[in-house]
Amino acid sequence: MIRKITKSEIPDCVEVICKSFLTVADEFGFTVENAPRFTAFATTRERLTWQWEKEQRLMFAYFEDGKMAGYYSLLRQNEKECELNNLCVLEEYRQRKIGEQLLQHAFNEAGKMGCLWVNIGIVEENVRLRKWYEKHGAVHIGTEKYDFFPFTCGYMRRAVEGSGEGEGNEREEETVSKVNYFGDRVLGKMAGFLIKNANPSIVFHVKNDILKNITEEEKRELHDRVMREEIIQRIIACQKENGWLGNGFHGSNKNAGRYENQEVGVKYLGEKLIFRDTPVLKNAIEAFKTAKPDLFGDGDTDCDRYAAAGSDIIMASCVARAGYEDLFDISKEITASLDSFRRVTEVNSVTDVVKIRKRRPERVNPEGIAYVFNEYEKWPCRYHLDILAHTKSWRSKENISMLAHSFQKLLRDNGLDYFPAYCVDIGHLVGCCGAFREGMKMGVDRDGTHYVSLDLVEYMCRCGLYELVPQLKKEVDTIYDSVDEHGICRVSYDERALKGMGTYSGGQLEVDWRSRTRKLCDVTYRGLVILFYSGLRM
């Protein structure tokens, strides 16, 4: 018999999962030392309880003579998809088609939820399991290699044949239509459009980061084309002997273009270039070790004294964006970023961490009030999110959950609109690095149109928050639904926030937007990245 488990049965589920997956571990040589995150070793009572309470997973078990013999869970990912997890059968109960019963039960439950797809993760090297899922209608859609696993993660998916009980043929036809049009094909169409039309840097990222089907020859050819671009050449030309780009740090100095400074130049190179050992980028990163910029003139240390501000946090975001986390120690800034978001979860309002400074009305607001962060206080800004989005060392279930909780508080619609516009008062008010406000939005509604903040949505998805922040899921669904039959993302967005690249905004990788196709390529690429980091696979 298959039934929903009760919370009190979670310890039994843990035992069944660990024992069942241990046979896989033994077969492929996985141990707690070389694969501590493998299911057989990482499943605990605390983890399943968190899945039960926080993720609200559906959990089912197969019972024979009152004893639990098999298990699976379903996690709803969005309106269209759910994920099948930990389907297993104890070794002594195998060869009785219990696994098939659990699998079909999972497909039926997914249909009752209104899902169109069930996503499945496997050990790619387990050919027998892959064939078993294929026998039951699943299609292999890709692989992923992670540093913490000694195996390759395989991804499969299966279309749900029904989407609810008793809804008739009309609903079934609608489901089939949606599956045929979107399904796993939408991301493939986006990738196809970009490979055919986009800048070589975008083509590289699509083929290397997402499709994972690029050759070394293609890498070299695309890299050479990027290096010949005018903006790249201007950045190379402004590099000094010590590796520093231009004369500015946080933005350009007089008579310099927007890319001809250390911060923007490094971020642009990190986004555009392919090889980390390319001299212009490598030398610019090395320059941070010898040149220590000081924004406030008093040895500012953003990790300690000033909330949401300082040179160190900007430097760390450059290092993270360029992909040098493993070669340049930014652990202090990563910790500061986590602590800043954690502080949001500890207070009732931003007013708990700021003080009021009276100023002339024309300098601040009609009331003459300026909010200034208390010294040695914490509060998150866009740079903190940038750092976390582009680094890996901090990622754990606990930290991701904390980050989600922080954003849920920041996004709450409680009427607050406090914006701490200043980090410090040193005779004059000094602005902070895009501090997040209470009541923040991931998009704006203007003239009857919803405009998505693509950069904020992308970084949150990169942090693994898609499943944990309902407002984020809504924005991602908007992007997904905006992709047309040609794979072009037609979502409404803030053009000023995407065009070019600067200190606080910009993600343009095309050389210019003189043609409509180039602009569409930049938008579609960001949409594809968002969908990819939301967990969708082609």
Protein backbone atom coordinates (compact mmCIF):
# COMPACT_ATOMS: atom_id res chain seq x y z
CA MET A 1 0.00 0.00 0.00
CA ILE A 2 1.17 3.54 -0.80
CA ARG A 3 0.10 6.41 1.45
CA LYS A 4 1.23 9.81 2.70
CA ILE A 5 3.55 9.57 5.65
CA THR A 6 2.95 11.31 8.96
CA LYS A 7 5.51 13.61 10.55
CA SER A 8 6.20 11.01 13.23
CA GLU A 9 7.31 8.57 10.48
CA ILE A 10 10.15 10.80 9.25
CA PRO A 11 12.80 8.77 11.18
CA ASP A 12 11.60 5.62 9.37
CA CYS A 13 11.85 7.46 6.03
CA VAL A 14 15.44 8.47 6.82
CA GLU A 15 16.34 4.85 7.53
CA VAL A 16 14.74 3.60 4.31
CA ILE A 17 16.41 6.29 2.17
CA CYS A 18 19.89 5.81 3.65
CA LYS A 19 19.78 1.99 3.48
CA SER A 20 18.39 1.99 -0.07
CA PHE A 21 20.91 4.47 -1.47
CA LEU A 22 23.78 2.76 0.34
CA THR A 23 23.61 -0.06 -2.20
CA VAL A 24 24.19 2.53 -4.96
CA ALA A 25 27.09 3.97 -2.98
CA ASP A 26 28.64 0.52 -2.61
CA GLU A 27 28.21 -0.24 -6.31
CA PHE A 28 29.94 2.94 -7.48
CA GLY A 29 32.46 3.39 -4.69
CA PHE A 30 30.90 6.42 -2.98
CA THR A 31 31.91 6.98 0.63
CA VAL A 32 31.22 9.57 3.31
CA GLU A 33 34.75 10.88 2.65
CA ASN A 34 34.55 11.31 -1.16
CA ALA A 35 30.80 12.03 -1.41
CA PRO A 36 29.51 13.42 1.91
CA ARG A 37 26.54 15.08 0.18
CA PHE A 38 25.35 11.86 -1.49
CA THR A 39 21.85 10.88 -0.40
CA ALA A 40 22.97 7.79 1.54
CA PHE A 41 25.14 9.91 3.82
CA ALA A 42 23.47 13.33 3.82
CA THR A 43 19.87 12.38 4.60
CA THR A 44 19.01 13.21 8.21
CA ARG A 45 15.92 13.62 10.36
CA GLU A 46 16.56 17.38 10.41
CA ARG A 47 16.81 17.60 6.63
CA LEU A 48 13.56 15.71 5.98
CA THR A 49 11.81 17.69 8.70
CA TRP A 50 12.92 20.91 6.98
CA GLN A 51 11.59 19.56 3.67
CA TRP A 52 8.31 18.69 5.38
CA GLU A 53 7.85 21.99 7.23
CA LYS A 54 9.57 24.61 5.06
CA GLU A 55 9.36 23.21 1.53
CA GLN A 56 6.02 21.45 2.16
CA ARG A 57 7.07 18.48 0.08
CA LEU A 58 4.59 15.70 -0.51
CA MET A 59 6.03 12.51 1.01
CA PHE A 60 4.76 9.01 0.31
CA ALA A 61 5.86 5.55 1.36
CA TYR A 62 5.12 1.95 0.36
CA PHE A 63 4.12 -0.31 3.25
CA GLU A 64 4.05 -4.10 3.33
CA ASP A 65 2.68 -5.85 6.41
CA GLY A 66 2.91 -2.56 8.26
CA LYS A 67 6.62 -2.08 7.50
CA MET A 68 7.92 0.79 5.34
CA ALA A 69 9.65 -0.66 2.29
CA GLY A 70 9.93 2.28 -0.12
CA TYR A 71 9.70 6.05 -0.31
CA TYR A 72 9.54 9.13 -2.56
CA SER A 73 8.83 12.86 -2.29
CA LEU A 74 7.57 15.55 -4.67
CA LEU A 75 8.69 19.17 -4.57
CA ARG A 76 6.64 21.70 -6.51
CA GLN A 77 9.06 23.92 -8.48
CA ASN A 78 6.60 26.17 -10.29
CA GLU A 79 3.09 26.06 -11.73
CA LYS A 80 4.20 23.69 -14.49
CA GLU A 81 6.81 21.44 -12.87
CA CYS A 82 7.65 19.38 -9.84
CA GLU A 83 10.72 17.40 -8.85
CA LEU A 84 10.79 13.72 -7.88
CA ASN A 85 13.22 13.07 -5.04
CA ASN A 86 14.65 10.05 -3.26
CA LEU A 87 12.53 7.38 -4.92
CA CYS A 88 13.89 4.18 -3.37
CA VAL A 89 13.08 0.62 -2.29
CA LEU A 90 14.86 -1.39 0.40
CA GLU A 91 17.11 -4.06 -1.09
CA GLU A 92 15.16 -6.99 0.39
CA TYR A 93 11.93 -5.75 -1.28
CA ARG A 94 13.28 -5.24 -4.80
CA GLN A 95 12.25 -7.19 -7.91
CA ARG A 96 8.59 -6.94 -6.86
CA LYS A 97 7.72 -3.91 -9.05
CA ILE A 98 7.38 -1.73 -5.96
CA GLY A 99 9.53 0.93 -7.61
CA GLU A 100 7.22 1.00 -10.62
CA GLN A 101 4.22 1.42 -8.34
CA LEU A 102 5.88 4.33 -6.53
CA LEU A 103 6.90 5.95 -9.81
CA GLN A 104 3.42 5.74 -11.32
CA HIS A 105 1.96 7.02 -8.06
CA ALA A 106 4.30 10.02 -8.26
CA PHE A 107 3.20 10.78 -11.83
CA ASN A 108 -0.46 10.58 -10.73
CA GLU A 109 0.15 12.93 -7.78
CA ALA A 110 1.96 15.37 -10.06
CA GLY A 111 -1.08 15.38 -12.32
CA LYS A 112 -3.37 16.10 -9.39
CA MET A 113 -1.16 19.11 -8.58
CA GLY A 114 -1.70 20.40 -12.12
CA CYS A 115 1.93 19.93 -13.10
CA LEU A 116 2.92 19.28 -16.71
CA TRP A 117 6.39 17.92 -16.04
CA VAL A 118 8.16 15.77 -13.46
CA ASN A 119 11.92 16.42 -13.18
CA ILE A 120 14.25 13.63 -12.04
CA GLY A 121 17.90 13.65 -10.98
CA ILE A 122 20.11 10.54 -11.25
CA VAL A 123 23.72 9.42 -10.99
CA GLU A 124 24.61 9.67 -14.67
CA GLU A 125 26.95 6.68 -14.46
CA ASN A 126 24.06 4.50 -13.27
CA VAL A 127 23.10 3.36 -16.79
CA ARG A 128 20.68 0.75 -15.49
CA LEU A 129 18.64 3.35 -13.60
CA ARG A 130 18.62 5.72 -16.56
CA LYS A 131 17.24 2.98 -18.82
CA TRP A 132 14.62 2.14 -16.18
CA TYR A 133 13.35 5.72 -16.15
CA GLU A 134 13.43 5.84 -19.97
CA LYS A 135 11.35 2.66 -20.04
CA HIS A 136 8.72 4.56 -18.05
CA GLY A 137 8.62 7.57 -20.36
CA ALA A 138 11.36 9.87 -19.01
CA VAL A 139 13.68 11.71 -21.40
CA HIS A 140 17.32 12.53 -20.69
CA ILE A 141 17.88 16.30 -20.95
CA GLY A 142 21.39 17.03 -19.69
CA THR A 143 24.17 16.62 -17.17
CA GLU A 144 25.98 18.71 -14.58
CA LYS A 145 29.36 18.14 -12.86
CA TYR A 146 29.82 19.45 -9.32
CA ASP A 147 33.07 19.66 -7.37
CA PHE A 148 31.55 18.03 -4.28
CA PHE A 149 30.39 14.86 -6.13
CA PRO A 150 32.71 12.17 -7.55
CA PHE A 151 30.06 11.44 -10.18
CA THR A 152 28.11 13.28 -12.87
CA CYS A 153 24.56 14.42 -12.10
CA GLY A 154 22.12 13.45 -14.83
CA TYR A 155 18.80 15.19 -15.43
CA MET A 156 15.67 13.62 -16.84
CA ARG A 157 12.06 14.68 -17.17
CA ARG A 158 8.73 13.13 -18.00
CA ALA A 159 5.55 14.72 -19.24
CA VAL A 160 2.54 14.24 -17.00
CA GLU A 161 -0.19 12.54 -18.98
CA GLY A 162 -3.00 14.05 -16.96
CA SER A 163 -3.30 17.19 -14.90
CA GLY A 164 -6.04 16.51 -12.45
CA GLU A 165 -8.91 14.14 -11.83
CA GLY A 166 -12.11 14.33 -13.78
CA GLU A 167 -11.28 17.41 -15.83
CA GLY A 168 -12.11 15.90 -19.19
CA ASN A 169 -10.59 15.96 -22.65
CA GLU A 170 -10.52 19.74 -22.99
CA ARG A 171 -8.06 20.08 -20.09
CA GLU A 172 -5.99 17.15 -21.40
CA GLU A 173 -5.71 18.74 -24.86
CA GLU A 174 -4.64 22.02 -23.28
CA THR A 175 -1.95 20.19 -21.33
CA VAL A 176 -0.61 18.43 -24.42
CA SER A 177 -0.51 21.73 -26.30
CA LYS A 178 1.53 23.43 -23.56
CA VAL A 179 3.92 20.51 -23.35
CA ASN A 180 4.53 20.52 -27.10
CA TYR A 181 5.17 24.25 -27.22
CA PHE A 182 7.14 24.90 -24.06
CA GLY A 183 8.35 21.93 -22.07
CA ASP A 184 12.07 21.46 -22.39
CA ARG A 185 12.02 23.03 -25.87
CA VAL A 186 11.70 26.65 -24.78
CA LEU A 187 15.23 26.85 -23.40
CA GLY A 188 16.54 25.02 -26.44
CA LYS A 189 14.89 27.56 -28.73
CA MET A 190 16.40 30.42 -26.74
CA ALA A 191 19.84 28.84 -26.99
CA GLY A 192 19.37 28.26 -30.72
CA PHE A 193 18.40 31.87 -31.33
CA LEU A 194 21.44 33.13 -29.41
CA ILE A 195 23.96 30.79 -31.05
CA LYS A 196 22.74 31.98 -34.43
CA ASN A 197 22.52 35.72 -33.72
CA ALA A 198 24.42 36.78 -30.59
CA ASN A 199 27.80 38.28 -29.77
CA PRO A 200 30.63 35.69 -29.48
CA SER A 201 30.83 36.18 -25.71
CA ILE A 202 27.14 35.25 -25.36
CA VAL A 203 27.60 32.29 -27.70
CA PHE A 204 30.48 31.09 -25.53
CA HIS A 205 28.50 31.33 -22.30
CA VAL A 206 25.51 29.54 -23.83
CA LYS A 207 27.59 26.68 -25.22
CA ASN A 208 30.03 26.43 -22.32
CA ASP A 209 27.98 27.24 -19.21
CA ILE A 210 24.51 26.05 -20.21
CA LEU A 211 24.69 23.54 -23.08
CA LYS A 212 28.16 22.26 -22.07
CA ASN A 213 28.90 21.21 -25.64
CA ILE A 214 31.76 23.51 -26.69
CA THR A 215 35.09 22.38 -28.14
CA GLU A 216 38.51 23.82 -27.30
CA GLU A 217 38.77 25.08 -30.88
CA GLU A 218 35.48 26.93 -30.53
CA LYS A 219 36.64 28.47 -27.26
CA ARG A 220 39.78 29.84 -28.86
CA GLU A 221 37.94 31.16 -31.91
CA LEU A 222 35.25 32.93 -29.85
CA HIS A 223 37.87 34.33 -27.45
CA ASP A 224 39.89 35.80 -30.32
CA ARG A 225 36.81 37.50 -31.73
CA VAL A 226 35.95 39.04 -28.36
CA MET A 227 39.49 40.31 -27.90
CA ARG A 228 39.25 42.30 -31.13
CA GLU A 229 36.22 44.29 -30.00
CA GLU A 230 36.63 48.06 -29.61
CA ILE A 231 35.65 48.26 -25.94
CA ILE A 232 38.07 45.46 -25.01
CA GLN A 233 40.86 47.23 -26.86
CA ARG A 234 40.10 50.49 -25.03
CA ILE A 235 40.30 48.69 -21.70
CA ILE A 236 43.63 47.11 -22.66
CA ALA A 237 44.97 50.50 -23.74
CA CYS A 238 44.16 52.15 -20.39
CA GLN A 239 45.84 49.46 -18.26
CA LYS A 240 48.80 50.69 -16.21
CA GLU A 241 52.07 48.89 -15.46
CA ASN A 242 50.77 47.59 -12.13
CA GLY A 243 47.67 46.13 -13.83
CA TRP A 244 45.24 48.84 -12.71
CA LEU A 245 42.65 49.86 -15.31
CA GLY A 246 42.52 53.62 -15.90
CA ASN A 247 42.75 56.20 -13.13
CA GLY A 248 39.45 55.59 -11.37
CA PHE A 249 38.15 52.87 -9.11
CA HIS A 250 34.46 53.28 -8.33
CA GLY A 251 33.60 54.76 -11.72
CA SER A 252 35.51 56.83 -14.23
CA ASN A 253 37.70 59.85 -13.75
CA LYS A 254 37.52 62.94 -15.94
CA ASN A 255 37.91 62.38 -19.69
CA ALA A 256 37.60 58.59 -19.38
CA GLY A 257 34.93 56.34 -20.81
CA ARG A 258 32.57 54.29 -18.64
CA TYR A 259 34.69 51.12 -19.06
CA GLU A 260 38.09 52.75 -18.48
CA ASN A 261 38.30 52.29 -14.71
CA GLN A 262 39.12 49.40 -12.41
CA GLU A 263 35.67 48.43 -11.19
CA VAL A 264 33.68 48.56 -14.41
CA GLY A 265 36.60 47.35 -16.52
CA VAL A 266 37.13 44.22 -14.40
CA LYS A 267 33.41 43.43 -14.30
CA TYR A 268 33.08 43.88 -18.04
CA LEU A 269 36.11 41.69 -18.74
CA GLY A 270 34.79 39.09 -16.31
CA GLU A 271 31.49 38.95 -18.17
CA LYS A 272 32.96 39.13 -21.68
CA LEU A 273 36.17 37.16 -21.67
CA ILE A 274 36.65 33.46 -21.71
CA PHE A 275 40.06 32.56 -20.32
CA ARG A 276 40.98 33.64 -16.78
CA ASP A 277 44.66 33.81 -17.65
CA THR A 278 44.10 36.44 -20.33
CA PRO A 279 46.73 39.01 -19.31
CA VAL A 280 44.52 42.11 -19.18
CA LEU A 281 42.09 40.46 -16.74
CA LYS A 282 44.63 38.50 -14.71
CA ASN A 283 46.84 41.56 -14.21
CA ALA A 284 43.84 43.72 -13.23
CA ILE A 285 42.90 41.22 -10.51
CA GLU A 286 46.52 41.09 -9.31
CA ALA A 287 46.45 44.89 -9.02
CA PHE A 288 43.98 44.61 -6.12
CA LYS A 289 46.77 43.02 -4.05
CA THR A 290 49.06 46.03 -4.32
CA ALA A 291 46.68 48.96 -4.80
CA LYS A 292 44.19 49.50 -1.99
CA PRO A 293 41.62 52.13 -2.90
CA ASP A 294 40.18 54.19 -0.06
CA LEU A 295 36.81 55.75 -0.79
CA PHE A 296 36.47 57.81 2.40
CA GLY A 297 40.09 58.77 2.99
CA ASP A 298 40.31 57.23 6.45
CA GLY A 299 41.14 53.62 5.71
CA ASP A 300 37.53 52.54 5.34
CA THR A 301 36.81 48.88 5.95
CA ASP A 302 33.31 48.10 4.80
CA CYS A 303 33.21 44.75 6.53
CA ASP A 304 33.50 46.45 9.94
CA ARG A 305 32.66 50.11 10.25
CA TYR A 306 30.26 51.14 7.49
CA ALA A 307 27.12 49.28 6.51
CA ALA A 308 26.57 48.71 2.80
CA ALA A 309 29.64 50.68 1.80
CA GLY A 310 33.38 50.70 1.34
CA SER A 311 36.22 49.79 -0.95
CA ASP A 312 36.68 46.18 0.12
CA ILE A 313 33.14 45.14 -0.75
CA ILE A 314 33.44 46.71 -4.22
CA MET A 315 36.79 44.99 -4.78
CA ALA A 316 35.34 41.64 -3.72
CA SER A 317 32.43 42.00 -6.13
CA CYS A 318 34.92 42.54 -8.97
CA VAL A 319 36.88 39.42 -7.99
CA ALA A 320 33.68 37.38 -7.69
CA ARG A 321 32.23 38.59 -11.00
CA ALA A 322 35.49 37.71 -12.79
CA GLY A 323 35.46 34.17 -11.34
CA TYR A 324 38.60 34.41 -9.19
CA GLU A 325 37.13 33.27 -5.85
CA ASP A 326 39.48 30.28 -5.76
CA LEU A 327 42.61 32.37 -6.41
CA PHE A 328 41.92 35.58 -4.46
CA ASP A 329 40.83 35.47 -0.82
CA ILE A 330 37.52 37.31 -0.42
CA SER A 331 36.25 35.11 2.41
CA LYS A 332 35.97 38.11 4.77
CA GLU A 333 33.73 39.93 2.32
CA ILE A 334 31.62 36.82 1.70
CA THR A 335 31.09 36.49 5.44
CA ALA A 336 30.22 40.19 5.67
CA SER A 337 27.68 39.74 2.87
CA LEU A 338 26.01 36.86 4.70
CA ASP A 339 26.04 38.78 7.99
CA SER A 340 24.44 41.79 6.30
CA PHE A 341 21.52 39.74 5.01
CA ARG A 342 21.28 37.90 8.32
CA ARG A 343 20.88 41.25 10.11
CA VAL A 344 17.62 41.84 8.24
CA THR A 345 16.19 38.69 9.80
CA GLU A 346 17.14 39.89 13.29
CA VAL A 347 15.44 43.31 13.35
CA ASN A 348 11.90 44.54 12.89
CA SER A 349 12.74 47.38 10.53
CA VAL A 350 15.63 49.26 8.95
CA THR A 351 14.82 51.98 11.46
CA ASP A 352 16.41 49.71 14.08
CA VAL A 353 19.83 50.10 12.45
CA VAL A 354 19.89 53.77 11.40
CA LYS A 355 19.86 57.15 13.08
CA ILE A 356 18.29 60.40 11.89
CA ARG A 357 20.36 63.33 10.75
CA LYS A 358 18.64 66.66 10.14
CA ARG A 359 19.75 68.37 6.94
CA ARG A 360 18.66 71.25 4.82
CA PRO A 361 15.44 70.18 3.08
CA GLU A 362 16.81 70.73 -0.39
CA ARG A 363 19.68 68.28 0.39
CA VAL A 364 17.48 65.36 1.44
CA ASN A 365 13.69 65.60 1.53
CA PRO A 366 10.99 68.17 2.41
CA GLU A 367 11.22 67.21 6.09
CA GLY A 368 14.98 67.59 6.14
CA ILE A 369 15.46 64.03 7.38
CA ALA A 370 18.33 61.78 6.35
CA TYR A 371 18.70 58.22 7.54
CA VAL A 372 22.32 57.30 8.32
CA PHE A 373 23.45 53.79 9.28
CA ASN A 374 24.85 53.33 12.78
CA GLU A 375 28.58 52.67 12.76
CA TYR A 376 29.55 48.99 12.93
CA GLU A 377 26.05 48.03 11.82
CA LYS A 378 25.12 45.63 9.03
CA TRP A 379 22.67 45.96 6.15
CA PRO A 380 22.71 44.35 2.66
CA CYS A 381 23.29 46.12 -0.62
CA ARG A 382 23.56 45.19 -4.30
CA TYR A 383 27.29 44.52 -3.94
CA HIS A 384 26.67 41.93 -1.23
CA LEU A 385 24.20 40.14 -3.49
CA ASP A 386 26.63 40.38 -6.43
CA ILE A 387 29.31 38.67 -4.34
CA LEU A 388 27.04 35.83 -3.21
CA ALA A 389 25.61 35.32 -6.70
CA HIS A 390 29.06 34.72 -8.17
CA THR A 391 30.70 32.64 -5.43
CA LYS A 392 30.17 29.09 -4.17
CA SER A 393 32.02 28.61 -0.89
CA TRP A 394 29.18 30.01 1.25
CA ARG A 395 26.45 27.76 -0.11
CA SER A 396 24.69 25.52 2.35
CA LYS A 397 21.06 24.74 3.06
CA GLU A 398 21.20 26.94 6.16
CA ASN A 399 22.72 29.96 4.44
CA ILE A 400 20.42 29.76 1.43
CA SER A 401 17.42 29.45 3.74
CA MET A 402 18.61 32.50 5.72
CA LEU A 403 19.06 34.48 2.51
CA ALA A 404 15.55 33.58 1.41
CA HIS A 405 14.15 34.67 4.79
CA SER A 406 15.99 37.99 4.49
CA PHE A 407 14.54 38.70 1.06
CA GLN A 408 11.08 37.70 2.20
CA LYS A 409 11.30 40.42 4.86
CA LEU A 410 12.72 42.99 2.45
CA LEU A 411 10.00 42.23 -0.10
CA ARG A 412 7.08 42.27 2.30
CA ASP A 413 4.36 44.71 1.38
CA ASN A 414 3.82 46.36 4.72
CA GLY A 415 3.79 49.97 3.68
CA LEU A 416 7.38 50.66 4.68
CA ASP A 417 9.46 52.53 2.18
CA TYR A 418 12.45 53.56 4.22
CA PHE A 419 15.59 53.93 2.18
CA PRO A 420 18.84 54.44 4.08
CA ALA A 421 20.37 56.71 1.49
CA TYR A 422 23.60 57.34 3.40
CA CYS A 423 26.11 55.13 5.10
CA VAL A 424 28.15 57.67 7.01
CA ASP A 425 28.25 61.33 7.94
CA ILE A 426 31.78 62.72 7.69
CA GLY A 427 30.97 66.40 7.48
CA HIS A 428 28.86 65.58 4.47
CA LEU A 429 26.61 62.65 3.76
CA VAL A 430 28.24 59.77 1.87
CA GLY A 431 26.03 57.47 -0.16
CA CYS A 432 26.04 53.71 0.15
CA CYS A 433 26.33 50.95 -2.43
CA GLY A 434 22.71 50.51 -3.43
CA ALA A 435 21.39 49.44 -0.04
CA PHE A 436 18.19 47.39 -0.20
CA ARG A 437 15.12 49.06 1.21
CA GLU A 438 12.11 47.62 2.92
CA GLY A 439 9.24 47.23 0.56
CA MET A 440 11.68 46.65 -2.32
CA LYS A 441 10.34 45.29 -5.60
CA MET A 442 11.73 42.94 -8.24
CA GLY A 443 9.85 44.80 -10.88
CA VAL A 444 7.82 47.94 -11.33
CA ASP A 445 4.36 48.56 -12.75
CA ARG A 446 4.14 51.57 -15.01
CA ASP A 447 1.38 52.59 -17.42
CA GLY A 448 -0.25 49.18 -17.15
CA THR A 449 2.99 47.26 -17.92
CA HIS A 450 5.11 45.22 -15.51
CA TYR A 451 8.86 45.77 -15.94
CA VAL A 452 11.09 43.02 -14.52
CA SER A 453 14.38 43.91 -12.79
CA LEU A 454 16.46 41.39 -14.73
CA ASP A 455 19.68 41.89 -12.76
CA LEU A 456 18.07 41.43 -9.35
CA VAL A 457 16.11 38.37 -10.52
CA GLU A 458 19.21 36.84 -12.09
CA TYR A 459 21.37 37.25 -9.00
CA MET A 460 18.68 35.85 -6.71
CA CYS A 461 18.28 32.83 -8.98
CA ARG A 462 22.07 32.36 -9.05
CA CYS A 463 21.90 32.21 -5.24
CA GLY A 464 19.44 29.31 -5.39
CA LEU A 465 16.40 31.25 -4.15
CA TYR A 466 13.91 30.39 -6.88
CA GLU A 467 12.10 27.72 -4.88
CA LEU A 468 12.13 29.69 -1.64
CA VAL A 469 10.89 33.19 -2.51
CA PRO A 470 7.35 33.28 -3.97
CA GLN A 471 7.79 36.76 -5.44
CA LEU A 472 10.88 35.55 -7.29
CA LYS A 473 9.01 32.59 -8.77
CA LYS A 474 6.36 34.98 -10.05
CA GLU A 475 8.96 37.11 -11.85
CA VAL A 476 10.65 34.05 -13.37
CA ASP A 477 7.29 32.75 -14.60
CA THR A 478 6.73 36.14 -16.26
CA ILE A 479 10.04 35.75 -18.10
CA TYR A 480 9.29 32.16 -19.07
CA ASP A 481 5.87 33.06 -20.46
CA SER A 482 7.33 35.93 -22.49
CA VAL A 483 9.47 33.66 -24.74
CA ASP A 484 7.95 33.50 -28.24
CA GLU A 485 7.93 30.65 -30.75
CA HIS A 486 11.35 31.71 -32.07
CA GLY A 487 13.02 31.51 -28.65
CA ILE A 488 13.18 35.30 -28.24
CA CYS A 489 12.52 36.67 -24.75
CA ARG A 490 10.10 39.59 -25.07
CA VAL A 491 9.71 40.43 -21.39
CA SER A 492 9.30 44.09 -20.45
CA TYR A 493 12.35 45.36 -18.55
CA ASP A 494 14.08 48.54 -17.45
CA GLU A 495 16.27 49.36 -20.45
CA ARG A 496 18.44 51.74 -18.44
CA ALA A 497 19.30 48.98 -15.97
CA LEU A 498 20.47 46.58 -18.70
CA LYS A 499 22.12 48.85 -21.25
CA GLY A 500 25.90 49.25 -21.05
CA MET A 501 27.72 48.38 -17.83
CA GLY A 502 28.41 50.60 -14.85
CA THR A 503 29.00 50.57 -11.11
CA TYR A 504 25.43 49.74 -10.11
CA SER A 505 23.75 48.41 -13.23
CA GLY A 506 24.19 47.21 -16.79
CA GLY A 507 24.58 43.78 -18.32
CA GLN A 508 24.99 44.50 -22.03
CA LEU A 509 27.35 42.06 -23.78
CA GLU A 510 26.50 43.05 -27.35
CA VAL A 511 28.87 45.71 -28.73
CA ASP A 512 25.94 48.09 -29.25
CA TRP A 513 22.18 48.24 -29.60
CA ARG A 514 22.08 49.85 -33.01
CA SER A 515 20.11 46.89 -34.28
CA ARG A 516 16.98 45.50 -32.66
CA THR A 517 18.39 41.97 -32.90
CA ARG A 518 21.39 42.83 -30.72
CA LYS A 519 19.15 44.27 -28.02
CA LEU A 520 16.95 41.16 -28.16
CA CYS A 521 20.05 38.98 -27.83
CA ASP A 522 21.07 40.68 -24.58
CA VAL A 523 17.55 40.37 -23.16
CA THR A 524 17.16 36.76 -24.28
CA TYR A 525 20.54 35.81 -22.85
CA ARG A 526 19.65 37.22 -19.43
CA GLY A 527 16.30 35.44 -19.62
CA LEU A 528 18.03 32.16 -20.47
CA VAL A 529 20.48 32.54 -17.57
CA ILE A 530 17.60 33.22 -15.18
CA LEU A 531 15.64 30.18 -16.33
CA PHE A 532 18.76 28.00 -16.18
CA TYR A 533 19.58 28.99 -12.61
CA SER A 534 15.94 28.51 -11.67
CA GLY A 535 16.54 24.81 -12.20
CA LEU A 536 15.15 24.36 -15.69
CA ARG A 537 17.18 22.11 -18.00
CA MET A 538 17.14 21.55 -21.73
